[in-house]
Amino acid sequence: MADKVVSTVTKPQMRGLLNSVIKRNLIVALTLSGIAGVLTKQLVGNPRKKRYAEFYRTYDAEKEFEKMRQKGLFQSC
């Protein structure tokens, strides 16, 4: 005898469909935005912070002022 495989079709969700879709989309959106924020901080923010720190560690304001004064950029100096 051949066994009959009976498959039942699941009923569509009639109540609360919009709420469940919104909840799922909200969870996905919050997760992806959190991941994007962390990646942006790690890949953009931290290297930029290091570059600024390195620039100001070796920056000499008096030397830059003298260079601009030599070029004649100031009217009063």
Protein backbone atom coordinates (compact mmCIF):
# COMPACT_ATOMS: atom_id res chain seq x y z
CA MET A 1 0.00 0.00 0.00
CA ALA A 2 1.18 3.44 -0.83
CA ASP A 3 1.24 5.87 2.05
CA LYS A 4 -0.64 9.02 1.34
CA VAL A 5 1.18 12.22 2.20
CA VAL A 6 -1.32 14.77 3.22
CA SER A 7 -0.18 18.36 3.05
CA THR A 8 -2.30 21.05 4.54
CA VAL A 9 -2.22 24.61 3.36
CA THR A 10 -1.57 27.04 6.17
CA LYS A 11 -4.24 29.61 6.73
CA PRO A 12 -3.34 33.20 5.95
CA GLN A 13 -2.93 35.53 8.88
CA MET A 14 -6.02 37.69 8.86
CA ARG A 15 -5.63 39.68 12.09
CA GLY A 16 -2.55 41.59 13.16
CA LEU A 17 -0.68 41.18 9.88
CA LEU A 18 0.28 44.85 9.67
CA ASN A 19 1.49 44.89 13.26
CA SER A 20 3.65 41.82 12.80
CA VAL A 21 5.16 43.18 9.55
CA ILE A 22 5.87 46.55 11.16
CA LYS A 23 7.45 44.87 14.18
CA ARG A 24 9.72 42.74 11.98
CA ASN A 25 10.69 45.72 9.80
CA LEU A 26 11.40 47.84 12.87
CA ILE A 27 13.66 45.19 14.36
CA VAL A 28 15.54 44.79 11.07
CA ALA A 29 15.87 48.58 10.62
CA LEU A 30 17.17 49.14 14.14
CA THR A 31 19.64 46.28 13.85
CA LEU A 32 21.00 47.46 10.50
CA SER A 33 21.25 51.08 11.64
CA GLY A 34 23.12 50.03 14.77
CA ILE A 35 25.55 47.96 12.70
CA ALA A 36 26.01 50.87 10.27
CA GLY A 37 26.70 53.26 13.16
CA VAL A 38 29.31 51.00 14.72
CA LEU A 39 31.01 50.38 11.37
CA THR A 40 31.06 54.10 10.57
CA LYS A 41 32.65 54.87 13.91
CA GLN A 42 35.26 52.15 13.50
CA LEU A 43 36.09 52.69 9.83
CA VAL A 44 35.75 56.49 9.59
CA GLY A 45 35.65 58.11 13.02
CA ASN A 46 38.61 56.46 14.73
CA PRO A 47 41.09 56.89 11.81
CA ARG A 48 40.03 60.53 11.47
CA LYS A 49 40.53 61.08 15.19
CA LYS A 50 44.03 59.56 14.92
CA ARG A 51 44.91 61.79 11.94
CA TYR A 52 43.79 64.93 13.80
CA ALA A 53 45.78 63.91 16.89
CA GLU A 54 48.90 63.28 14.78
CA PHE A 55 48.49 66.61 12.95
CA TYR A 56 48.19 68.65 16.13
CA ARG A 57 51.00 66.74 17.83
CA THR A 58 53.44 67.99 15.15
CA TYR A 59 51.73 71.36 14.37
CA ASP A 60 53.68 74.53 15.04
CA ALA A 61 51.40 77.56 14.93
CA GLU A 62 54.24 80.11 15.03
CA LYS A 63 55.94 78.47 12.04
CA GLU A 64 52.68 78.51 10.05
CA PHE A 65 52.09 82.15 11.00
CA GLU A 66 55.55 83.15 9.81
CA LYS A 67 55.03 81.26 6.55
CA MET A 68 51.74 83.11 5.91
CA ARG A 69 53.32 86.45 6.89
CA GLN A 70 56.18 85.86 4.44
CA LYS A 71 53.62 85.27 1.65
CA GLY A 72 51.94 88.60 2.47
CA LEU A 73 48.55 87.23 3.43
CA PHE A 74 48.09 89.68 6.32
CA GLN A 75 47.50 93.40 5.86
CA SER A 76 48.34 94.43 9.43
CA CYS A 77 51.56 92.44 9.93
